[in-house]
Amino acid sequence: MYLNKAYIIGNLTRDPEIKALPSGIKVCSFGIATNRSFKDKDGQRKDVVDFHNIVAFAKLGELSAQYLKKGQQALVEGRIQTRSWDAPNGEKKYRTEIIAENVQFGFKGAGSVSGTGSPAGNVAESASSSASGAPKDGEAPAEKDKIDYPQEEINPDDIPF
Protein backbone atom coordinates (compact mmCIF):
# COMPACT_ATOMS: atom_id res chain seq x y z
CA MET A 1 0.00 0.00 0.00
CA TYR A 2 1.19 3.52 -0.80
CA LEU A 3 0.06 6.88 0.53
CA ASN A 4 0.89 10.38 -0.69
CA LYS A 5 -1.19 12.87 1.31
CA ALA A 6 -0.40 16.32 2.67
CA TYR A 7 -2.40 18.59 4.97
CA ILE A 8 -1.11 22.07 5.72
CA ILE A 9 -2.60 25.09 7.44
CA GLY A 10 -0.85 28.40 7.02
CA ASN A 11 -0.98 31.88 5.54
CA LEU A 12 -0.69 32.72 1.86
CA THR A 13 2.67 34.29 1.00
CA ARG A 14 1.47 35.78 -2.28
CA ASP A 15 -1.76 36.35 -4.18
CA PRO A 16 -2.82 33.35 -6.26
CA GLU A 17 -1.74 33.47 -9.89
CA ILE A 18 -3.99 31.82 -12.46
CA LYS A 19 -2.92 30.65 -15.92
CA ALA A 20 -4.36 28.38 -18.57
CA LEU A 21 -2.74 25.28 -20.06
CA PRO A 22 -2.77 24.89 -23.86
CA SER A 23 -5.69 22.47 -23.36
CA GLY A 24 -7.66 25.30 -21.70
CA ILE A 25 -7.54 23.90 -18.16
CA LYS A 26 -7.00 26.63 -15.55
CA VAL A 27 -4.01 26.31 -13.18
CA CYS A 28 -3.72 28.37 -10.01
CA SER A 29 -0.47 28.59 -8.06
CA PHE A 30 0.23 30.23 -4.72
CA GLY A 31 2.47 29.84 -1.70
CA ILE A 32 1.68 29.03 1.91
CA ALA A 33 3.93 29.54 4.92
CA THR A 34 3.67 27.28 7.95
CA ASN A 35 5.33 27.87 11.33
CA ARG A 36 6.64 25.42 13.87
CA SER A 37 8.19 25.99 17.28
CA PHE A 38 10.55 23.80 19.24
CA LYS A 39 13.21 23.98 21.92
CA ASP A 40 16.81 23.38 20.88
CA LYS A 41 19.33 21.40 22.94
CA ASP A 42 20.08 24.51 25.04
CA GLY A 43 16.40 24.94 25.92
CA GLN A 44 15.99 28.04 23.74
CA ARG A 45 12.72 28.34 21.85
CA LYS A 46 13.17 28.32 18.06
CA ASP A 47 10.58 29.32 15.47
CA VAL A 48 11.02 27.98 11.95
CA VAL A 49 9.01 28.95 8.88
CA ASP A 50 8.52 26.52 6.00
CA PHE A 51 7.30 27.66 2.58
CA HIS A 52 5.13 25.43 0.39
CA ASN A 53 4.23 25.76 -3.29
CA ILE A 54 0.57 24.95 -3.99
CA VAL A 55 -1.02 24.16 -7.38
CA ALA A 56 -4.78 23.81 -7.95
CA PHE A 57 -6.35 22.80 -11.25
CA ALA A 58 -9.66 23.39 -13.03
CA LYS A 59 -12.61 24.73 -11.01
CA LEU A 60 -10.75 24.40 -7.69
CA GLY A 61 -8.00 26.60 -9.15
CA GLU A 62 -10.49 29.19 -10.38
CA LEU A 63 -12.24 29.34 -7.00
CA SER A 64 -8.91 29.56 -5.15
CA ALA A 65 -7.80 32.45 -7.36
CA GLN A 66 -11.13 34.20 -6.80
CA TYR A 67 -11.37 33.90 -3.01
CA LEU A 68 -7.83 33.63 -1.63
CA LYS A 69 -5.57 36.63 -1.02
CA LYS A 70 -2.07 37.19 0.36
CA GLY A 71 -1.98 36.92 4.15
CA GLN A 72 -5.18 34.90 4.34
CA GLN A 73 -5.19 31.65 6.28
CA ALA A 74 -5.93 28.46 4.31
CA LEU A 75 -6.00 24.71 4.78
CA VAL A 76 -4.81 22.69 1.79
CA GLU A 77 -5.27 18.95 1.37
CA GLY A 78 -3.45 17.32 -1.50
CA ARG A 79 -0.55 15.21 -2.69
CA ILE A 80 3.15 16.00 -2.91
CA GLN A 81 4.76 16.04 -6.34
CA THR A 82 8.26 16.92 -7.50
CA ARG A 83 8.70 17.90 -11.12
CA SER A 84 11.88 18.57 -13.03
CA TRP A 85 12.86 20.42 -16.20
CA ASP A 86 15.94 21.61 -18.04
CA ALA A 87 16.65 25.32 -17.64
CA PRO A 88 17.76 27.33 -20.70
CA ASN A 89 21.34 27.25 -19.37
CA GLY A 90 21.27 23.42 -19.41
CA GLU A 91 20.93 23.08 -15.64
CA LYS A 92 18.41 20.55 -14.25
CA LYS A 93 15.77 22.29 -12.07
CA TYR A 94 13.44 20.72 -9.50
CA ARG A 95 10.32 22.01 -7.77
CA THR A 96 8.31 20.24 -5.08
CA GLU A 97 4.64 21.21 -4.96
CA ILE A 98 1.45 20.21 -3.24
CA ILE A 99 -1.22 19.44 -5.83
CA ALA A 100 -4.41 20.60 -4.11
CA GLU A 101 -7.38 18.28 -3.96
CA ASN A 102 -9.31 20.38 -1.44
CA VAL A 103 -8.88 23.95 -0.21
CA GLN A 104 -10.53 25.59 2.77
CA PHE A 105 -9.99 29.23 3.64
CA GLY A 106 -9.87 31.13 6.89
CA PHE A 107 -10.02 34.76 7.82
CA LYS A 108 -8.31 37.37 5.69
CA GLY A 109 -5.32 39.32 6.95
CA ALA A 110 -1.74 38.57 7.88
CA GLY A 111 -1.22 36.93 11.23
CA SER A 112 -4.87 36.11 11.68
CA VAL A 113 -5.51 33.41 14.22
CA SER A 114 -8.52 31.14 14.00
CA GLY A 115 -9.15 31.31 17.71
CA THR A 116 -12.81 32.07 17.05
CA GLY A 117 -13.28 28.75 15.30
CA SER A 118 -12.13 26.63 12.43
CA PRO A 119 -11.47 27.96 8.92
CA ALA A 120 -14.55 29.41 7.28
CA GLY A 121 -15.13 26.34 5.16
CA ASN A 122 -14.50 24.72 1.85
CA VAL A 123 -13.95 27.17 -1.00
CA ALA A 124 -16.82 25.67 -2.97
CA GLU A 125 -19.17 25.57 0.01
CA SER A 126 -18.32 29.14 0.99
CA ALA A 127 -19.04 30.36 -2.51
CA SER A 128 -22.67 29.34 -2.13
CA SER A 129 -23.16 30.00 1.60
CA SER A 130 -22.31 33.25 3.33
CA ALA A 131 -23.19 31.86 6.77
CA SER A 132 -19.97 29.87 7.16
CA GLY A 133 -17.95 32.96 8.02
CA ALA A 134 -20.56 34.55 10.28
CA PRO A 135 -19.45 35.98 13.62
CA LYS A 136 -20.54 34.46 16.92
CA ASP A 137 -23.73 35.73 18.55
CA GLY A 138 -23.29 39.20 19.98
CA GLU A 139 -20.19 39.98 17.90
CA ALA A 140 -20.12 42.58 15.16
CA PRO A 141 -18.54 41.38 11.91
CA ALA A 142 -15.07 42.82 11.35
CA GLU A 143 -14.70 44.60 8.02
CA LYS A 144 -11.47 42.75 7.14
CA ASP A 145 -13.09 39.35 7.84
CA LYS A 146 -15.99 39.89 5.46
CA ILE A 147 -15.99 37.96 2.22
CA ASP A 148 -17.61 39.23 -0.95
CA TYR A 149 -19.62 36.30 -2.28
CA PRO A 150 -20.81 36.11 -5.88
CA GLN A 151 -24.51 36.53 -6.51
CA GLU A 152 -24.80 33.64 -8.99
CA GLU A 153 -25.42 30.12 -7.75
CA ILE A 154 -22.68 27.51 -8.12
CA ASN A 155 -23.76 24.16 -9.50
CA PRO A 156 -22.40 21.35 -7.26
CA ASP A 157 -21.87 19.20 -10.38
CA ASP A 158 -19.20 21.71 -11.53
CA ILE A 159 -17.07 21.14 -8.42
CA PRO A 160 -14.25 18.67 -9.15
CA PHE A 161 -14.16 17.10 -5.68
C-alpha atoms as a PDB file:
ATOM      1  CA  MET A   1       0.000   0.000   0.000  1.00  0.00           C
ATOM      2  CA  TYR A   2       1.190   3.523  -0.802  1.00  0.00           C
ATOM      3  CA  LEU A   3       0.065   6.882   0.529  1.00  0.00           C
ATOM      4  CA  ASN A   4       0.885  10.381  -0.687  1.00  0.00           C
ATOM      5  CA  LYS A   5      -1.194  12.867   1.311  1.00  0.00           C
ATOM      6  CA  ALA A   6      -0.395  16.315   2.666  1.00  0.00           C
ATOM      7  CA  TYR A   7      -2.405  18.590   4.973  1.00  0.00           C
ATOM      8  CA  ILE A   8      -1.110  22.067   5.721  1.00  0.00           C
ATOM      9  CA  ILE A   9      -2.603  25.089   7.443  1.00  0.00           C
ATOM     10  CA  GLY A  10      -0.849  28.400   7.018  1.00  0.00           C
ATOM     11  CA  ASN A  11      -0.979  31.884   5.539  1.00  0.00           C
ATOM     12  CA  LEU A  12      -0.687  32.719   1.855  1.00  0.00           C
ATOM     13  CA  THR A  13       2.671  34.290   0.998  1.00  0.00           C
ATOM     14  CA  ARG A  14       1.465  35.782  -2.279  1.00  0.00           C
ATOM     15  CA  ASP A  15      -1.755  36.353  -4.179  1.00  0.00           C
ATOM     16  CA  PRO A  16      -2.817  33.353  -6.260  1.00  0.00           C
ATOM     17  CA  GLU A  17      -1.741  33.475  -9.887  1.00  0.00           C
ATOM     18  CA  ILE A  18      -3.992  31.825 -12.461  1.00  0.00           C
ATOM     19  CA  LYS A  19      -2.923  30.650 -15.917  1.00  0.00           C
ATOM     20  CA  ALA A  20      -4.357  28.377 -18.572  1.00  0.00           C
ATOM     21  CA  LEU A  21      -2.743  25.279 -20.060  1.00  0.00           C
ATOM     22  CA  PRO A  22      -2.766  24.892 -23.865  1.00  0.00           C
ATOM     23  CA  SER A  23      -5.690  22.473 -23.355  1.00  0.00           C
ATOM     24  CA  GLY A  24      -7.663  25.302 -21.696  1.00  0.00           C
ATOM     25  CA  ILE A  25      -7.542  23.902 -18.162  1.00  0.00           C
ATOM     26  CA  LYS A  26      -6.996  26.635 -15.551  1.00  0.00           C
ATOM     27  CA  VAL A  27      -4.011  26.311 -13.185  1.00  0.00           C
ATOM     28  CA  CYS A  28      -3.722  28.372 -10.011  1.00  0.00           C
ATOM     29  CA  SER A  29      -0.470  28.593  -8.059  1.00  0.00           C
ATOM     30  CA  PHE A  30       0.231  30.229  -4.720  1.00  0.00           C
ATOM     31  CA  GLY A  31       2.473  29.840  -1.704  1.00  0.00           C
ATOM     32  CA  ILE A  32       1.675  29.030   1.907  1.00  0.00           C
ATOM     33  CA  ALA A  33       3.932  29.543   4.916  1.00  0.00           C
ATOM     34  CA  THR A  34       3.670  27.285   7.950  1.00  0.00           C
ATOM     35  CA  ASN A  35       5.331  27.867  11.328  1.00  0.00           C
ATOM     36  CA  ARG A  36       6.638  25.417  13.870  1.00  0.00           C
ATOM     37  CA  SER A  37       8.193  25.995  17.276  1.00  0.00           C
ATOM     38  CA  PHE A  38      10.550  23.795  19.244  1.00  0.00           C
ATOM     39  CA  LYS A  39      13.211  23.977  21.918  1.00  0.00           C
ATOM     40  CA  ASP A  40      16.814  23.380  20.882  1.00  0.00           C
ATOM     41  CA  LYS A  41      19.326  21.397  22.938  1.00  0.00           C
ATOM     42  CA  ASP A  42      20.082  24.511  25.039  1.00  0.00           C
ATOM     43  CA  GLY A  43      16.398  24.942  25.923  1.00  0.00           C
ATOM     44  CA  GLN A  44      15.994  28.039  23.737  1.00  0.00           C
ATOM     45  CA  ARG A  45      12.717  28.341  21.855  1.00  0.00           C
ATOM     46  CA  LYS A  46      13.165  28.318  18.064  1.00  0.00           C
ATOM     47  CA  ASP A  47      10.585  29.321  15.470  1.00  0.00           C
ATOM     48  CA  VAL A  48      11.020  27.978  11.951  1.00  0.00           C
ATOM     49  CA  VAL A  49       9.012  28.954   8.877  1.00  0.00           C
ATOM     50  CA  ASP A  50       8.519  26.518   5.998  1.00  0.00           C
ATOM     51  CA  PHE A  51       7.303  27.657   2.581  1.00  0.00           C
ATOM     52  CA  HIS A  52       5.134  25.430   0.389  1.00  0.00           C
ATOM     53  CA  ASN A  53       4.231  25.764  -3.291  1.00  0.00           C
ATOM     54  CA  ILE A  54       0.574  24.950  -3.994  1.00  0.00           C
ATOM     55  CA  VAL A  55      -1.021  24.161  -7.379  1.00  0.00           C
ATOM     56  CA  ALA A  56      -4.784  23.807  -7.949  1.00  0.00           C
ATOM     57  CA  PHE A  57      -6.346  22.802 -11.254  1.00  0.00           C
ATOM     58  CA  ALA A  58      -9.664  23.387 -13.034  1.00  0.00           C
ATOM     59  CA  LYS A  59     -12.613  24.729 -11.007  1.00  0.00           C
ATOM     60  CA  LEU A  60     -10.750  24.401  -7.687  1.00  0.00           C
ATOM     61  CA  GLY A  61      -8.001  26.599  -9.152  1.00  0.00           C
ATOM     62  CA  GLU A  62     -10.489  29.188 -10.377  1.00  0.00           C
ATOM     63  CA  LEU A  63     -12.241  29.340  -7.004  1.00  0.00           C
ATOM     64  CA  SER A  64      -8.915  29.558  -5.148  1.00  0.00           C
ATOM     65  CA  ALA A  65      -7.802  32.451  -7.356  1.00  0.00           C
ATOM     66  CA  GLN A  66     -11.126  34.201  -6.799  1.00  0.00           C
ATOM     67  CA  TYR A  67     -11.373  33.898  -3.010  1.00  0.00           C
ATOM     68  CA  LEU A  68      -7.827  33.630  -1.628  1.00  0.00           C
ATOM     69  CA  LYS A  69      -5.568  36.635  -1.020  1.00  0.00           C
ATOM     70  CA  LYS A  70      -2.072  37.192   0.359  1.00  0.00           C
ATOM     71  CA  GLY A  71      -1.977  36.923   4.152  1.00  0.00           C
ATOM     72  CA  GLN A  72      -5.184  34.897   4.345  1.00  0.00           C
ATOM     73  CA  GLN A  73      -5.192  31.652   6.275  1.00  0.00           C
ATOM     74  CA  ALA A  74      -5.925  28.460   4.310  1.00  0.00           C
ATOM     75  CA  LEU A  75      -5.997  24.714   4.784  1.00  0.00           C
ATOM     76  CA  VAL A  76      -4.811  22.690   1.791  1.00  0.00           C
ATOM     77  CA  GLU A  77      -5.270  18.954   1.368  1.00  0.00           C
ATOM     78  CA  GLY A  78      -3.451  17.319  -1.501  1.00  0.00           C
ATOM     79  CA  ARG A  79      -0.550  15.211  -2.689  1.00  0.00           C
ATOM     80  CA  ILE A  80       3.155  16.003  -2.910  1.00  0.00           C
ATOM     81  CA  GLN A  81       4.757  16.036  -6.336  1.00  0.00           C
ATOM     82  CA  THR A  82       8.262  16.919  -7.500  1.00  0.00           C
ATOM     83  CA  ARG A  83       8.699  17.903 -11.118  1.00  0.00           C
ATOM     84  CA  SER A  84      11.885  18.565 -13.032  1.00  0.00           C
ATOM     85  CA  TRP A  85      12.861  20.422 -16.198  1.00  0.00           C
ATOM     86  CA  ASP A  86      15.936  21.605 -18.036  1.00  0.00           C
ATOM     87  CA  ALA A  87      16.647  25.318 -17.642  1.00  0.00           C
ATOM     88  CA  PRO A  88      17.765  27.326 -20.704  1.00  0.00           C
ATOM     89  CA  ASN A  89      21.338  27.248 -19.368  1.00  0.00           C
ATOM     90  CA  GLY A  90      21.266  23.424 -19.411  1.00  0.00           C
ATOM     91  CA  GLU A  91      20.927  23.076 -15.636  1.00  0.00           C
ATOM     92  CA  LYS A  92      18.407  20.548 -14.250  1.00  0.00           C
ATOM     93  CA  LYS A  93      15.769  22.291 -12.072  1.00  0.00           C
ATOM     94  CA  TYR A  94      13.438  20.718  -9.504  1.00  0.00           C
ATOM     95  CA  ARG A  95      10.321  22.009  -7.771  1.00  0.00           C
ATOM     96  CA  THR A  96       8.310  20.242  -5.076  1.00  0.00           C
ATOM     97  CA  GLU A  97       4.640  21.215  -4.959  1.00  0.00           C
ATOM     98  CA  ILE A  98       1.446  20.210  -3.235  1.00  0.00           C
ATOM     99  CA  ILE A  99      -1.215  19.444  -5.828  1.00  0.00           C
ATOM    100  CA  ALA A 100      -4.413  20.603  -4.107  1.00  0.00           C
ATOM    101  CA  GLU A 101      -7.376  18.277  -3.955  1.00  0.00           C
ATOM    102  CA  ASN A 102      -9.307  20.376  -1.445  1.00  0.00           C
ATOM    103  CA  VAL A 103      -8.879  23.955  -0.209  1.00  0.00           C
ATOM    104  CA  GLN A 104     -10.528  25.589   2.773  1.00  0.00           C
ATOM    105  CA  PHE A 105      -9.986  29.229   3.637  1.00  0.00           C
ATOM    106  CA  GLY A 106      -9.865  31.131   6.890  1.00  0.00           C
ATOM    107  CA  PHE A 107     -10.023  34.760   7.816  1.00  0.00           C
ATOM    108  CA  LYS A 108      -8.308  37.368   5.686  1.00  0.00           C
ATOM    109  CA  GLY A 109      -5.323  39.319   6.953  1.00  0.00           C
ATOM    110  CA  ALA A 110      -1.738  38.572   7.881  1.00  0.00           C
ATOM    111  CA  GLY A 111      -1.221  36.933  11.234  1.00  0.00           C
ATOM    112  CA  SER A 112      -4.871  36.109  11.682  1.00  0.00           C
ATOM    113  CA  VAL A 113      -5.515  33.405  14.220  1.00  0.00           C
ATOM    114  CA  SER A 114      -8.518  31.141  13.996  1.00  0.00           C
ATOM    115  CA  GLY A 115      -9.145  31.308  17.712  1.00  0.00           C
ATOM    116  CA  THR A 116     -12.808  32.073  17.047  1.00  0.00           C
ATOM    117  CA  GLY A 117     -13.280  28.749  15.304  1.00  0.00           C
ATOM    118  CA  SER A 118     -12.134  26.627  12.435  1.00  0.00           C
ATOM    119  CA  PRO A 119     -11.471  27.964   8.923  1.00  0.00           C
ATOM    120  CA  ALA A 120     -14.550  29.409   7.285  1.00  0.00           C
ATOM    121  CA  GLY A 121     -15.131  26.338   5.164  1.00  0.00           C
ATOM    122  CA  ASN A 122     -14.501  24.720   1.847  1.00  0.00           C
ATOM    123  CA  VAL A 123     -13.954  27.170  -1.003  1.00  0.00           C
ATOM    124  CA  ALA A 124     -16.817  25.671  -2.973  1.00  0.00           C
ATOM    125  CA  GLU A 125     -19.174  25.566   0.009  1.00  0.00           C
ATOM    126  CA  SER A 126     -18.318  29.136   0.987  1.00  0.00           C
ATOM    127  CA  ALA A 127     -19.042  30.357  -2.513  1.00  0.00           C
ATOM    128  CA  SER A 128     -22.670  29.341  -2.126  1.00  0.00           C
ATOM    129  CA  SER A 129     -23.159  30.004   1.600  1.00  0.00           C
ATOM    130  CA  SER A 130     -22.310  33.251   3.329  1.00  0.00           C
ATOM    131  CA  ALA A 131     -23.193  31.862   6.767  1.00  0.00           C
ATOM    132  CA  SER A 132     -19.966  29.873   7.156  1.00  0.00           C
ATOM    133  CA  GLY A 133     -17.947  32.963   8.022  1.00  0.00           C
ATOM    134  CA  ALA A 134     -20.559  34.548  10.278  1.00  0.00           C
ATOM    135  CA  PRO A 135     -19.446  35.984  13.621  1.00  0.00           C
ATOM    136  CA  LYS A 136     -20.544  34.465  16.918  1.00  0.00           C
ATOM    137  CA  ASP A 137     -23.726  35.725  18.549  1.00  0.00           C
ATOM    138  CA  GLY A 138     -23.285  39.203  19.984  1.00  0.00           C
ATOM    139  CA  GLU A 139     -20.186  39.985  17.899  1.00  0.00           C
ATOM    140  CA  ALA A 140     -20.117  42.579  15.159  1.00  0.00           C
ATOM    141  CA  PRO A 141     -18.538  41.385  11.908  1.00  0.00           C
ATOM    142  CA  ALA A 142     -15.070  42.819  11.350  1.00  0.00           C
ATOM    143  CA  GLU A 143     -14.701  44.601   8.016  1.00  0.00           C
ATOM    144  CA  LYS A 144     -11.469  42.750   7.135  1.00  0.00           C
ATOM    145  CA  ASP A 145     -13.087  39.351   7.843  1.00  0.00           C
ATOM    146  CA  LYS A 146     -15.994  39.892   5.459  1.00  0.00           C
ATOM    147  CA  ILE A 147     -15.991  37.964   2.217  1.00  0.00           C
ATOM    148  CA  ASP A 148     -17.612  39.232  -0.952  1.00  0.00           C
ATOM    149  CA  TYR A 149     -19.622  36.297  -2.275  1.00  0.00           C
ATOM    150  CA  PRO A 150     -20.806  36.108  -5.876  1.00  0.00           C
ATOM    151  CA  GLN A 151     -24.514  36.528  -6.512  1.00  0.00           C
ATOM    152  CA  GLU A 152     -24.798  33.642  -8.989  1.00  0.00           C
ATOM    153  CA  GLU A 153     -25.420  30.119  -7.754  1.00  0.00           C
ATOM    154  CA  ILE A 154     -22.683  27.512  -8.118  1.00  0.00           C
ATOM    155  CA  ASN A 155     -23.757  24.159  -9.499  1.00  0.00           C
ATOM    156  CA  PRO A 156     -22.402  21.345  -7.255  1.00  0.00           C
ATOM    157  CA  ASP A 157     -21.873  19.205 -10.377  1.00  0.00           C
ATOM    158  CA  ASP A 158     -19.204  21.706 -11.532  1.00  0.00           C
ATOM    159  CA  ILE A 159     -17.067  21.139  -8.421  1.00  0.00           C
ATOM    160  CA  PRO A 160     -14.245  18.671  -9.152  1.00  0.00           C
ATOM    161  CA  PHE A 161     -14.158  17.095  -5.678  1.00  0.00           C
END
